[in-house]
């Protein structure tokens, strides 16, 4: 590993004795030293070599010396300038400070130590200025980073990056380029940004490090013609690699001071932030496109399922309607035969009437499914509702060998609802439970509170709901019974939903088969008060 070279000090003084003194003292202190008796020679050397300190006599800065010095500082922004001045040329020394000098030494030197300390202090001052300039340039980037990462639209983000770059480095031209699979394109630009296929842009895209050029400095032949052709005085380019794509942020000034190291640091950070934000925007756009495709697919699937459901409903209705119609037709045909007795005719007419009533009930269930209806609601207590329904089904349960066990507290809070509709739901659940136990069994009707809700459960000891049907049990035409239409649970689900509640397939508490929970909000206090006043 090579150790860094000592700082290089270039001394410009018309007196040979001063040059020799500076060389002896500074080399003894660990510096490298080159001396020149003319300012043009010293500046030519500085332009071609990475000097750290220019130690210059103020006499050399008279006339056009300050202009030459400013030009060199534009090309070598890290160069520390320390002026040497006698008392007679103090005005020139002050002018040097106004032009950005980093230190001053009075001649004759008090001691050799004064010379070394003056050069070191000038070097330290220059470094502090660089740090201050770098921090001042970085401060606005904190707010810029937040804005860039918040933007997820690629086109808007590209425009924001070039506008921010133009504002931060005060460039007349800014171009944001991207190369992917050897193909480049200009994403966004301010001013006259060259196309990506221009020779100079291709050259810049091949560089691995930032490039800072000016017309007055050492410039590769490929870019010298570019600066002249586009009329730029200086150019700054920063490449960034991200996920197989190469981004290039290019800025140019004309006419303006050359780009400094702080400008390079600023543009470099902006380029990296911009590249990360662009990749982030690409991911967001890909996600939005995926979501859009998914939504379209879901709508298509929903439409297909809807059409399939309509088809199943039509087939089921055709089957349900055709059977009683055929029975009515046959009964009327037989009743109309001339050799039929009056008693036989009445029998067939009775059969036809029963099938017509069956048709009417089917149509009524369909209307309830699609139009549960808006009926005025009252306070409904579950305990008397359960007792009434169990009384209605008592004889039927006894014939089926089914025993009912009710455990509904008498103080269970009421709900606001349409009593007939809630009775229809409970009746349907109990009939389903009975039919699920053809050999008889026990059905449980349970009630309890859960926070601001009241739960009424119907459980049986039958085989339960098949796993494949659990997610679709409340859909119309889905039934566990061979001859079922699958409308009962669908109608019940709609009724409870219209009551702002839920009909749920749950885990049984006492039974071993299916368990359905009717979950309804407890009636609000104002409804209870109004009901009490009516009473």
Protein backbone atom coordinates (compact mmCIF):
# COMPACT_ATOMS: atom_id res chain seq x y z
CA UNK A 1 0.00 0.00 0.00
CA UNK A 2 1.46 3.35 -1.10
CA UNK A 3 1.63 6.14 1.49
CA UNK A 4 0.19 9.50 0.35
CA UNK A 5 2.61 12.07 -1.03
CA UNK A 6 3.45 15.14 1.11
CA UNK A 7 1.64 18.37 0.15
CA UNK A 8 3.12 20.12 -2.91
CA UNK A 9 3.90 23.82 -2.42
CA UNK A 10 4.48 26.00 -5.49
CA UNK A 11 6.42 29.20 -4.63
CA UNK A 12 6.22 32.21 -6.96
CA UNK A 13 8.58 35.07 -6.02
CA UNK A 14 10.86 37.31 -8.12
CA UNK A 15 13.74 36.99 -5.64
CA UNK A 16 15.95 33.91 -5.98
CA UNK A 17 16.93 34.11 -2.33
CA UNK A 18 13.33 33.85 -1.17
CA UNK A 19 12.78 30.83 -3.45
CA UNK A 20 15.83 29.05 -2.01
CA UNK A 21 14.82 29.90 1.57
CA UNK A 22 11.28 28.62 1.08
CA UNK A 23 12.53 25.41 -0.56
CA UNK A 24 15.02 24.67 2.23
CA UNK A 25 12.65 25.42 5.11
CA UNK A 26 9.52 23.80 3.69
CA UNK A 27 11.27 20.66 2.45
CA UNK A 28 12.79 20.32 5.88
CA UNK A 29 9.23 20.47 7.30
CA UNK A 30 8.09 17.61 5.04
CA UNK A 31 6.61 19.54 2.09
CA UNK A 32 7.47 19.11 -1.57
CA UNK A 33 8.48 22.43 -3.14
CA UNK A 34 8.72 23.87 -6.68
CA UNK A 35 9.86 27.48 -7.17
CA UNK A 36 9.23 29.93 -10.05
CA UNK A 37 10.35 33.54 -10.55
CA UNK A 38 7.47 34.35 -12.96
CA UNK A 39 3.73 34.07 -12.35
CA UNK A 40 2.82 32.59 -15.79
CA UNK A 41 5.35 29.78 -15.31
CA UNK A 42 4.01 29.03 -11.83
CA UNK A 43 0.40 28.99 -13.02
CA UNK A 44 1.24 26.77 -15.98
CA UNK A 45 2.80 24.27 -13.58
CA UNK A 46 -0.22 24.43 -11.26
CA UNK A 47 -2.62 23.78 -14.13
CA UNK A 48 -0.75 20.62 -15.09
CA UNK A 49 0.05 19.31 -11.60
CA UNK A 50 -2.09 18.72 -8.49
CA UNK A 51 -0.48 21.37 -6.31
CA UNK A 52 -1.81 21.86 -2.77
CA UNK A 53 -0.47 25.35 -1.89
CA UNK A 54 0.50 28.36 -4.01
CA UNK A 55 2.85 30.66 -2.04
CA UNK A 56 2.97 33.89 -4.04
CA UNK A 57 4.44 37.35 -3.59
CA UNK A 58 1.78 40.08 -3.87
CA UNK A 59 3.96 42.02 -6.34
CA UNK A 60 3.20 39.33 -8.91
CA UNK A 61 -0.56 39.92 -8.52
CA UNK A 62 -0.52 43.50 -9.78
CA UNK A 63 -2.09 44.30 -13.14
CA UNK A 64 -3.66 41.04 -14.47
CA UNK A 65 -2.29 38.70 -11.79
CA UNK A 66 -5.60 38.45 -9.94
CA UNK A 67 -7.44 37.44 -13.12
CA UNK A 68 -4.84 34.73 -13.85
CA UNK A 69 -5.07 33.51 -10.28
CA UNK A 70 -8.89 33.35 -10.41
CA UNK A 71 -8.69 31.29 -13.58
CA UNK A 72 -6.33 28.79 -11.97
CA UNK A 73 -8.48 28.57 -8.84
CA UNK A 74 -11.43 27.76 -11.10
CA UNK A 75 -9.53 24.76 -12.44
CA UNK A 76 -7.96 23.81 -9.11
CA UNK A 77 -10.62 24.66 -6.50
CA UNK A 78 -8.73 22.80 -3.75
CA UNK A 79 -5.59 24.94 -4.22
CA UNK A 80 -4.71 26.95 -1.11
CA UNK A 81 -3.30 30.42 -1.87
CA UNK A 82 -0.97 32.07 0.67
CA UNK A 83 0.33 35.56 -0.16
CA UNK A 84 3.69 37.01 0.95
CA UNK A 85 3.80 40.76 1.41
CA UNK A 86 6.06 43.45 2.78
CA UNK A 87 4.70 46.46 4.60
CA UNK A 88 4.97 48.53 1.43
CA UNK A 89 2.59 46.22 -0.45
CA UNK A 90 -0.05 45.76 2.27
CA UNK A 91 -2.81 47.09 0.01
CA UNK A 92 -2.03 44.32 -2.49
CA UNK A 93 -2.21 41.76 0.32
CA UNK A 94 -5.65 43.00 1.37
CA UNK A 95 -6.79 42.84 -2.25
CA UNK A 96 -5.55 39.24 -2.36
CA UNK A 97 -7.73 38.40 0.64
CA UNK A 98 -10.71 39.97 -1.08
CA UNK A 99 -10.01 37.65 -4.03
CA UNK A 100 -10.09 34.57 -1.79
CA UNK A 101 -6.54 34.14 -0.43
CA UNK A 102 -6.33 31.58 2.38
CA UNK A 103 -3.41 33.04 4.33
CA UNK A 104 -0.77 35.78 4.50
CA UNK A 105 2.91 36.02 5.52
CA UNK A 106 4.84 39.22 6.19
CA UNK A 107 8.31 39.62 4.75
CA UNK A 108 10.89 39.41 6.03
CA UNK A 109 9.86 36.25 7.95
CA UNK A 110 10.32 36.44 11.71
CA UNK A 111 11.62 32.87 11.71
CA UNK A 112 11.59 29.74 9.62
CA UNK A 113 8.88 28.44 11.92
CA UNK A 114 6.66 31.38 10.91
CA UNK A 115 6.98 30.31 7.26
CA UNK A 116 6.02 26.69 7.96
CA UNK A 117 3.13 27.66 10.22
CA UNK A 118 1.84 30.20 7.69
CA UNK A 119 1.81 27.64 4.87
CA UNK A 120 0.16 25.03 7.11
CA UNK A 121 -2.44 27.53 8.33
CA UNK A 122 -3.27 28.50 4.75
CA UNK A 123 -3.72 24.83 3.87
CA UNK A 124 -5.96 24.31 6.90
CA UNK A 125 -8.02 27.41 6.09
CA UNK A 126 -8.59 26.13 2.58
CA UNK A 127 -9.78 22.77 3.87
CA UNK A 128 -12.18 24.46 6.28
CA UNK A 129 -13.59 26.54 3.45
CA UNK A 130 -14.10 23.39 1.40
CA UNK A 131 -15.92 21.69 4.27
CA UNK A 132 -18.11 24.74 4.83
CA UNK A 133 -18.96 24.94 1.13
CA UNK A 134 -19.69 21.20 1.04
CA UNK A 135 -22.02 21.39 4.05
CA UNK A 136 -23.78 24.44 2.61
CA UNK A 137 -24.32 22.54 -0.63
CA UNK A 138 -25.56 19.41 1.15
CA UNK A 139 -28.06 21.15 3.41
CA UNK A 140 -30.73 21.68 0.71
CA UNK A 141 -30.39 18.03 -0.30
CA UNK A 142 -32.12 16.81 2.86
CA UNK A 143 -35.39 18.43 1.77
CA UNK A 144 -34.76 17.35 -1.81
CA UNK A 145 -34.37 13.69 -0.75
CA UNK A 146 -37.76 13.72 0.97
CA UNK A 147 -39.47 15.18 -2.11
CA UNK A 148 -37.82 12.77 -4.50
CA UNK A 149 -38.72 9.65 -2.51
CA UNK A 150 -42.31 10.85 -2.10
CA UNK A 151 -42.83 11.09 -5.89
CA UNK A 152 -43.77 7.73 -7.47
CA UNK A 153 -44.57 8.88 -11.03
CA UNK A 154 -41.52 8.42 -13.26
CA UNK A 155 -42.17 11.30 -15.65
CA UNK A 156 -42.82 13.83 -12.88
CA UNK A 157 -39.80 12.53 -10.97
CA UNK A 158 -37.47 12.95 -13.97
CA UNK A 159 -38.57 16.56 -14.42
CA UNK A 160 -38.11 17.19 -10.70
CA UNK A 161 -34.54 15.82 -10.74
CA UNK A 162 -33.33 18.03 -13.59
CA UNK A 163 -35.04 21.10 -12.16
CA UNK A 164 -33.46 20.46 -8.76
CA UNK A 165 -30.02 19.95 -10.35
CA UNK A 166 -30.32 23.22 -12.24
CA UNK A 167 -31.26 25.07 -9.06
CA UNK A 168 -28.53 23.53 -6.90
CA UNK A 169 -25.50 23.91 -9.20
CA UNK A 170 -26.75 26.98 -11.13
CA UNK A 171 -26.32 25.36 -14.54
CA UNK A 172 -27.72 26.60 -17.84
CA UNK A 173 -28.08 23.03 -19.13
CA UNK A 174 -28.99 19.85 -17.25
CA UNK A 175 -29.65 16.45 -18.83
CA UNK A 176 -30.78 13.20 -17.18
CA UNK A 177 -29.86 10.14 -19.27
CA UNK A 178 -30.31 6.39 -18.89
CA UNK A 179 -28.52 3.52 -20.63
CA UNK A 180 -30.04 0.04 -20.62
CA UNK A 181 -28.83 -2.86 -22.79
CA UNK A 182 -26.38 -0.53 -24.57
CA UNK A 183 -29.24 1.79 -25.58
CA UNK A 184 -29.36 5.28 -24.15
CA UNK A 185 -32.09 7.88 -24.03
CA UNK A 186 -32.58 11.36 -22.67
CA UNK A 187 -35.15 11.14 -19.88
CA UNK A 188 -35.49 14.87 -19.15
CA UNK A 189 -33.56 18.06 -19.78
CA UNK A 190 -33.29 21.76 -19.12
CA UNK A 191 -31.70 24.03 -21.67
CA UNK A 192 -30.32 22.45 -24.85
CA UNK A 193 -29.45 18.91 -23.70
CA UNK A 194 -27.65 16.82 -26.36
CA UNK A 195 -29.30 13.55 -27.46
CA UNK A 196 -28.11 10.31 -25.86
CA UNK A 197 -26.58 9.09 -29.13
CA UNK A 198 -24.29 12.18 -29.41
CA UNK A 199 -20.61 11.22 -29.36
CA UNK A 200 -19.86 13.27 -26.26
CA UNK A 201 -22.74 11.69 -24.32
CA UNK A 202 -21.60 8.21 -25.29
CA UNK A 203 -18.08 9.09 -24.10
CA UNK A 204 -19.40 10.38 -20.77
CA UNK A 205 -21.55 7.27 -20.29
CA UNK A 206 -18.44 5.09 -20.47
CA UNK A 207 -16.65 6.90 -17.64
CA UNK A 208 -16.71 5.20 -14.25
CA UNK A 209 -16.09 8.34 -12.19
CA UNK A 210 -17.50 11.88 -12.24
CA UNK A 211 -16.07 14.14 -14.98
CA UNK A 212 -15.41 17.86 -14.47
CA UNK A 213 -14.16 19.80 -17.51
CA UNK A 214 -13.62 23.39 -18.57
CA UNK A 215 -12.43 25.12 -21.75
CA UNK A 216 -9.41 26.60 -20.00
CA UNK A 217 -8.29 23.37 -18.35
CA UNK A 218 -6.87 20.08 -19.56
CA UNK A 219 -9.70 18.49 -21.53
CA UNK A 220 -9.72 15.18 -23.47
CA UNK A 221 -9.93 15.73 -27.25
CA UNK A 222 -13.31 13.98 -27.32
CA UNK A 223 -14.78 16.66 -25.09
CA UNK A 224 -12.87 19.79 -26.15
CA UNK A 225 -14.82 19.94 -29.40
CA UNK A 226 -18.04 19.28 -27.47
CA UNK A 227 -17.52 22.29 -25.20
CA UNK A 228 -16.83 24.52 -28.19
CA UNK A 229 -19.73 23.15 -30.26
CA UNK A 230 -22.31 23.65 -27.53
CA UNK A 231 -20.76 26.89 -26.26
CA UNK A 232 -20.21 25.60 -22.73
CA UNK A 233 -17.49 27.02 -20.52
CA UNK A 234 -17.53 24.03 -18.15
CA UNK A 235 -19.22 20.65 -17.80
CA UNK A 236 -19.93 18.28 -14.91
CA UNK A 237 -21.09 14.67 -15.34
CA UNK A 238 -21.96 12.06 -12.68
CA UNK A 239 -22.68 8.38 -13.51
CA UNK A 240 -24.74 6.06 -11.26
CA UNK A 241 -25.37 2.31 -11.66
CA UNK A 242 -28.69 0.85 -10.46
CA UNK A 243 -29.97 -2.69 -11.18
CA UNK A 244 -28.41 -3.05 -14.60
CA UNK A 245 -29.27 0.49 -15.66
CA UNK A 246 -26.76 3.33 -15.92
CA UNK A 247 -27.98 6.82 -15.13
CA UNK A 248 -26.03 9.93 -16.11
CA UNK A 249 -26.69 13.41 -14.73
CA UNK A 250 -24.92 16.10 -16.78
CA UNK A 251 -24.74 19.84 -16.07
CA UNK A 252 -23.09 22.62 -18.09
CA UNK A 253 -22.49 26.35 -17.59
CA UNK A 254 -22.02 29.12 -20.11
CA UNK A 255 -20.67 31.66 -19.39
CA UNK A 256 -20.12 31.10 -15.69
CA UNK A 257 -17.42 30.07 -13.21
CA UNK A 258 -16.15 26.55 -13.60
CA UNK A 259 -17.71 23.81 -11.49
CA UNK A 260 -16.07 23.32 -8.11
CA UNK A 261 -15.58 20.24 -5.95
CA UNK A 262 -18.63 21.19 -3.88
CA UNK A 263 -20.72 21.22 -7.09
CA UNK A 264 -19.46 17.75 -7.92
CA UNK A 265 -20.37 16.48 -4.45
CA UNK A 266 -23.82 18.06 -4.66
CA UNK A 267 -24.60 16.71 -8.12
CA UNK A 268 -23.21 13.29 -7.13
CA UNK A 269 -25.52 13.00 -4.14
CA UNK A 270 -28.49 14.23 -6.19
CA UNK A 271 -27.68 11.70 -8.91
CA UNK A 272 -27.63 8.83 -6.42
CA UNK A 273 -30.82 10.00 -4.74
CA UNK A 274 -32.48 10.46 -8.12
CA UNK A 275 -31.45 7.01 -9.35
CA UNK A 276 -32.81 5.38 -6.18
CA UNK A 277 -36.04 7.38 -6.47
CA UNK A 278 -36.41 6.41 -10.16
CA UNK A 279 -36.00 2.73 -9.31
CA UNK A 280 -38.53 3.18 -6.53
CA UNK A 281 -40.94 4.82 -8.98
CA UNK A 282 -40.45 1.94 -11.44
CA UNK A 283 -41.45 -0.52 -8.70
CA UNK A 284 -44.50 1.57 -7.80
CA UNK A 285 -45.59 1.76 -11.43
CA UNK A 286 -45.08 -1.98 -11.88
CA UNK A 287 -47.15 -2.55 -8.74
CA UNK A 288 -49.90 -0.23 -10.00
CA UNK A 289 -49.97 -2.06 -13.33
CA UNK A 290 -50.15 -5.40 -11.53
CA UNK A 291 -52.98 -4.16 -9.33
CA UNK A 292 -54.82 -2.84 -12.38
CA UNK A 293 -54.47 -6.20 -14.13
CA UNK A 294 -55.55 -7.96 -10.95
CA UNK A 295 -58.62 -5.74 -10.61
CA UNK A 296 -59.56 -6.43 -14.22
CA UNK A 297 -59.10 -10.15 -13.64
CA UNK A 298 -61.19 -9.99 -10.48
CA UNK A 299 -63.95 -8.10 -12.28
CA UNK A 300 -63.86 -10.66 -15.08
CA UNK A 301 -63.98 -13.52 -12.57
CA UNK A 302 -66.81 -11.85 -10.66
CA UNK A 303 -68.74 -11.39 -13.89
CA UNK A 304 -68.08 -14.99 -14.89
CA UNK A 305 -69.19 -16.19 -11.44
CA UNK A 306 -72.26 -13.99 -11.66
CA UNK A 307 -73.20 -15.46 -15.03
CA UNK A 308 -72.51 -18.96 -13.72
CA UNK A 309 -74.72 -18.26 -10.69
CA UNK A 310 -77.49 -17.01 -12.96
CA UNK A 311 -77.12 -20.18 -15.00
CA UNK A 312 -77.32 -22.37 -11.89
CA UNK A 313 -80.28 -20.36 -10.60
CA UNK A 314 -82.09 -20.68 -13.92
CA UNK A 315 -81.48 -24.43 -14.04
CA UNK A 316 -82.61 -24.86 -10.44
CA UNK A 317 -85.73 -22.76 -10.94
CA UNK A 318 -86.56 -24.62 -14.12
CA UNK A 319 -86.30 -27.90 -12.22
CA UNK A 320 -88.28 -26.62 -9.21
CA UNK A 321 -91.02 -25.08 -11.35
CA UNK A 322 -91.24 -27.92 -13.85
CA UNK A 323 -92.01 -30.62 -11.24
CA UNK A 324 -95.12 -28.96 -9.73
CA UNK A 325 -96.26 -27.78 -13.17
CA UNK A 326 -96.05 -31.33 -14.44
CA UNK A 327 -97.98 -32.52 -11.38
CA UNK A 328 -100.66 -29.85 -11.93
CA UNK A 329 -100.93 -30.79 -15.59
CA UNK A 330 -101.28 -34.50 -14.81
CA UNK A 331 -103.79 -33.91 -12.00
CA UNK A 332 -105.99 -31.67 -14.16
CA UNK A 333 -105.78 -34.15 -17.03
CA UNK A 334 -106.87 -37.00 -14.77
CA UNK A 335 -109.61 -34.92 -13.09
CA UNK A 336 -111.06 -34.09 -16.51
CA UNK A 337 -111.45 -37.74 -17.59
CA UNK A 338 -115.15 -38.63 -18.03
CA UNK A 339 -114.97 -41.94 -16.10
CA UNK A 340 -113.66 -40.23 -12.95
CA UNK A 341 -115.91 -40.19 -9.92
CA UNK A 342 -116.56 -36.94 -8.10
CA UNK A 343 -114.45 -38.14 -5.21
CA UNK A 344 -111.48 -38.91 -7.52
CA UNK A 345 -111.86 -35.58 -9.31
CA UNK A 346 -111.70 -33.73 -5.96
CA UNK A 347 -108.60 -35.73 -5.06
CA UNK A 348 -106.75 -34.70 -8.24
CA UNK A 349 -107.97 -31.09 -7.94
CA UNK A 350 -106.63 -31.08 -4.38
CA UNK A 351 -103.26 -32.35 -5.66
CA UNK A 352 -103.19 -29.62 -8.31
CA UNK A 353 -104.03 -26.95 -5.70
CA UNK A 354 -101.24 -28.19 -3.44
CA UNK A 355 -98.69 -28.02 -6.27
CA UNK A 356 -99.85 -24.49 -7.17
CA UNK A 357 -99.32 -23.47 -3.54
CA UNK A 358 -95.86 -25.01 -3.75
CA UNK A 359 -95.15 -22.86 -6.80
CA UNK A 360 -96.43 -19.79 -4.98
CA UNK A 361 -94.16 -20.50 -2.00
CA UNK A 362 -91.15 -20.90 -4.30
CA UNK A 363 -91.83 -17.55 -5.96
CA UNK A 364 -92.31 -15.96 -2.55
CA UNK A 365 -88.91 -17.27 -1.36
CA UNK A 366 -87.27 -15.90 -4.49
CA UNK A 367 -88.82 -12.48 -3.91
CA UNK A 368 -87.61 -12.52 -0.31
CA UNK A 369 -84.10 -13.36 -1.46
CA UNK A 370 -83.83 -10.44 -3.87
CA UNK A 371 -86.07 -8.05 -1.92
CA UNK A 372 -86.10 -8.68 1.85
CA UNK A 373 -88.18 -5.53 2.25
CA UNK A 374 -88.06 -2.51 4.52
CA UNK A 375 -90.57 -2.98 7.33
CA UNK A 376 -90.85 -0.88 10.45
CA UNK A 377 -88.74 -2.30 13.25
CA UNK A 378 -89.65 -2.84 16.88
CA UNK A 379 -87.93 -4.21 19.95
CA UNK A 380 -87.66 -7.97 19.72
CA UNK A 381 -86.84 -10.21 22.71
CA UNK A 382 -85.26 -13.51 21.76
CA UNK A 383 -86.67 -15.60 24.67
CA UNK A 384 -90.39 -15.35 23.67
CA UNK A 385 -89.44 -15.55 19.97
CA UNK A 386 -87.65 -18.87 20.56
CA UNK A 387 -90.52 -20.24 22.67
CA UNK A 388 -93.07 -19.37 19.97
CA UNK A 389 -91.07 -20.99 17.14
CA UNK A 390 -90.39 -24.14 19.16
CA UNK A 391 -94.14 -24.39 19.90
CA UNK A 392 -94.93 -24.13 16.18
CA UNK A 393 -92.44 -26.91 15.39
CA UNK A 394 -93.21 -29.06 18.46
CA UNK A 395 -95.36 -31.69 16.75
CA UNK A 396 -93.05 -31.87 13.70
CA UNK A 397 -89.99 -32.33 15.94
CA UNK A 398 -91.71 -35.04 17.95
CA UNK A 399 -92.50 -37.01 14.78
CA UNK A 400 -88.86 -36.64 13.64
CA UNK A 401 -87.50 -37.76 17.01
CA UNK A 402 -85.82 -34.42 17.62
CA UNK A 403 -85.55 -32.92 21.08
CA UNK A 404 -85.15 -29.16 21.51
CA UNK A 405 -83.02 -27.70 24.33
CA UNK A 406 -83.41 -23.93 24.76
CA UNK A 407 -81.06 -21.86 26.93
CA UNK A 408 -81.94 -18.21 26.31
CA UNK A 409 -81.74 -15.95 29.41
CA UNK A 410 -84.98 -14.05 30.09
CA UNK A 411 -82.98 -10.85 30.72
CA UNK A 412 -81.18 -11.04 27.37
CA UNK A 413 -81.22 -7.48 25.93
CA UNK A 414 -83.64 -6.94 23.03
CA UNK A 415 -82.73 -6.07 19.46
CA UNK A 416 -84.38 -3.69 17.01
CA UNK A 417 -85.88 -5.68 14.15
CA UNK A 418 -88.81 -7.01 12.18
CA UNK A 419 -90.13 -9.86 14.31
CA UNK A 420 -91.70 -11.83 11.47
CA UNK A 421 -88.46 -11.79 9.49
CA UNK A 422 -86.36 -12.85 12.48
CA UNK A 423 -88.88 -15.61 13.17
CA UNK A 424 -88.52 -16.76 9.55
CA UNK A 425 -84.71 -16.96 9.98
CA UNK A 426 -84.96 -18.96 13.22
CA UNK A 427 -87.61 -21.23 11.71
CA UNK A 428 -85.41 -21.92 8.70
CA UNK A 429 -82.36 -22.72 10.86
CA UNK A 430 -84.37 -25.12 13.05
CA UNK A 431 -85.88 -26.91 10.04
CA UNK A 432 -82.39 -27.28 8.54
CA UNK A 433 -81.17 -28.73 11.85
CA UNK A 434 -84.05 -31.23 11.92
CA UNK A 435 -83.43 -32.33 8.34
CA UNK A 436 -79.70 -32.76 9.14
CA UNK A 437 -80.69 -35.44 11.73
CA UNK A 438 -83.00 -37.91 9.87
CA UNK A 439 -82.54 -40.47 12.67
CA UNK A 440 -83.42 -37.93 15.36
CA UNK A 441 -81.22 -36.09 17.83
CA UNK A 442 -80.95 -32.87 19.82
CA UNK A 443 -81.08 -29.28 18.63
CA UNK A 444 -79.79 -26.52 20.90
CA UNK A 445 -81.01 -22.91 20.88
CA UNK A 446 -78.64 -20.73 22.91
CA UNK A 447 -78.54 -16.99 23.63
CA UNK A 448 -75.91 -14.69 25.18
CA UNK A 449 -74.38 -11.20 25.09
CA UNK A 450 -71.08 -10.23 23.46
CA UNK A 451 -70.30 -6.60 24.21
CA UNK A 452 -72.82 -4.46 22.34
CA UNK A 453 -74.16 -7.48 20.45
CA UNK A 454 -76.68 -10.21 21.15
CA UNK A 455 -76.08 -13.73 19.83
CA UNK A 456 -78.69 -16.43 19.16
CA UNK A 457 -77.20 -19.81 18.22
CA UNK A 458 -78.80 -22.89 16.64
CA UNK A 459 -76.72 -26.09 16.93
CA UNK A 460 -77.40 -29.72 16.06
CA UNK A 461 -75.72 -33.11 16.40
CA UNK A 462 -75.84 -33.95 12.70
CA UNK A 463 -72.90 -34.54 10.34
CA UNK A 464 -72.11 -30.82 10.05
CA UNK A 465 -71.29 -28.77 6.94
CA UNK A 466 -68.82 -30.38 4.46
CA UNK A 467 -65.48 -28.53 4.38
CA UNK A 468 -65.81 -27.83 0.66
CA UNK A 469 -69.13 -25.98 1.18
CA UNK A 470 -68.26 -23.91 4.27
CA UNK A 471 -67.02 -20.88 2.32
CA UNK A 472 -70.12 -20.92 0.05
CA UNK A 473 -72.85 -22.03 2.42
CA UNK A 474 -74.71 -18.68 2.26
CA UNK A 475 -74.69 -18.51 -1.56
CA UNK A 476 -77.98 -19.19 -3.33
CA UNK A 477 -78.36 -22.72 -4.77
CA UNK A 478 -75.69 -24.12 -2.40
CA UNK A 479 -77.28 -26.84 -0.26
CA UNK A 480 -76.29 -29.96 1.68
CA UNK A 481 -79.71 -31.52 0.97
CA UNK A 482 -80.21 -33.55 -2.24
CA UNK A 483 -83.54 -31.86 -3.00
CA UNK A 484 -82.68 -28.45 -1.50
CA UNK A 485 -82.75 -25.23 -3.53
CA UNK A 486 -80.15 -23.51 -1.35
CA UNK A 487 -82.37 -20.43 -0.98
CA UNK A 488 -83.24 -20.72 2.73
CA UNK A 489 -79.83 -19.76 4.12
CA UNK A 490 -79.30 -17.14 1.39
CA UNK A 491 -82.63 -15.48 2.28
CA UNK A 492 -81.81 -15.68 6.01
CA UNK A 493 -78.38 -14.15 5.38
CA UNK A 494 -79.97 -11.22 3.51
CA UNK A 495 -82.50 -10.66 6.28
CA UNK A 496 -79.87 -10.54 9.05
CA UNK A 497 -77.61 -8.35 6.91
CA UNK A 498 -80.54 -5.93 6.44
CA UNK A 499 -80.78 -5.81 10.25
CA UNK A 500 -77.12 -4.65 10.37
CA UNK A 501 -76.10 -8.00 11.83
CA UNK A 502 -74.31 -11.16 10.75
CA UNK A 503 -75.34 -14.74 10.13
CA UNK A 504 -72.25 -16.86 10.79
CA UNK A 505 -71.24 -20.49 10.50
CA UNK A 506 -69.45 -21.07 13.81
CA UNK A 507 -67.95 -23.75 16.03
CA UNK A 508 -70.61 -25.50 18.17
CA UNK A 509 -70.65 -25.00 21.93
CA UNK A 510 -72.87 -27.95 22.87
CA UNK A 511 -73.71 -29.72 19.66
CA UNK A 512 -71.41 -31.79 17.46
CA UNK A 513 -72.70 -30.82 14.02
CA UNK A 514 -73.50 -27.49 12.38
CA UNK A 515 -73.73 -24.27 14.43
CA UNK A 516 -75.18 -21.01 13.11
CA UNK A 517 -74.96 -17.73 15.01
CA UNK A 518 -77.39 -14.86 14.54
CA UNK A 519 -75.39 -11.80 15.70
CA UNK A 520 -77.38 -8.55 16.03
CA UNK A 521 -76.58 -5.19 17.63
CA UNK A 522 -78.26 -4.60 20.97
CA UNK A 523 -81.08 -2.05 20.76
CA UNK A 524 -79.90 1.44 21.63
CA UNK A 525 -80.98 3.06 24.90
CA UNK A 526 -83.16 5.65 23.15
CA UNK A 527 -85.13 2.85 21.46
CA UNK A 528 -85.68 1.14 24.83
CA UNK A 529 -86.87 4.43 26.39
CA UNK A 530 -89.27 5.11 23.50
CA UNK A 531 -90.70 1.59 23.81
CA UNK A 532 -91.19 2.02 27.56
CA UNK A 533 -93.03 5.32 27.03
CA UNK A 534 -95.34 3.68 24.46
CA UNK A 535 -96.17 0.97 26.97
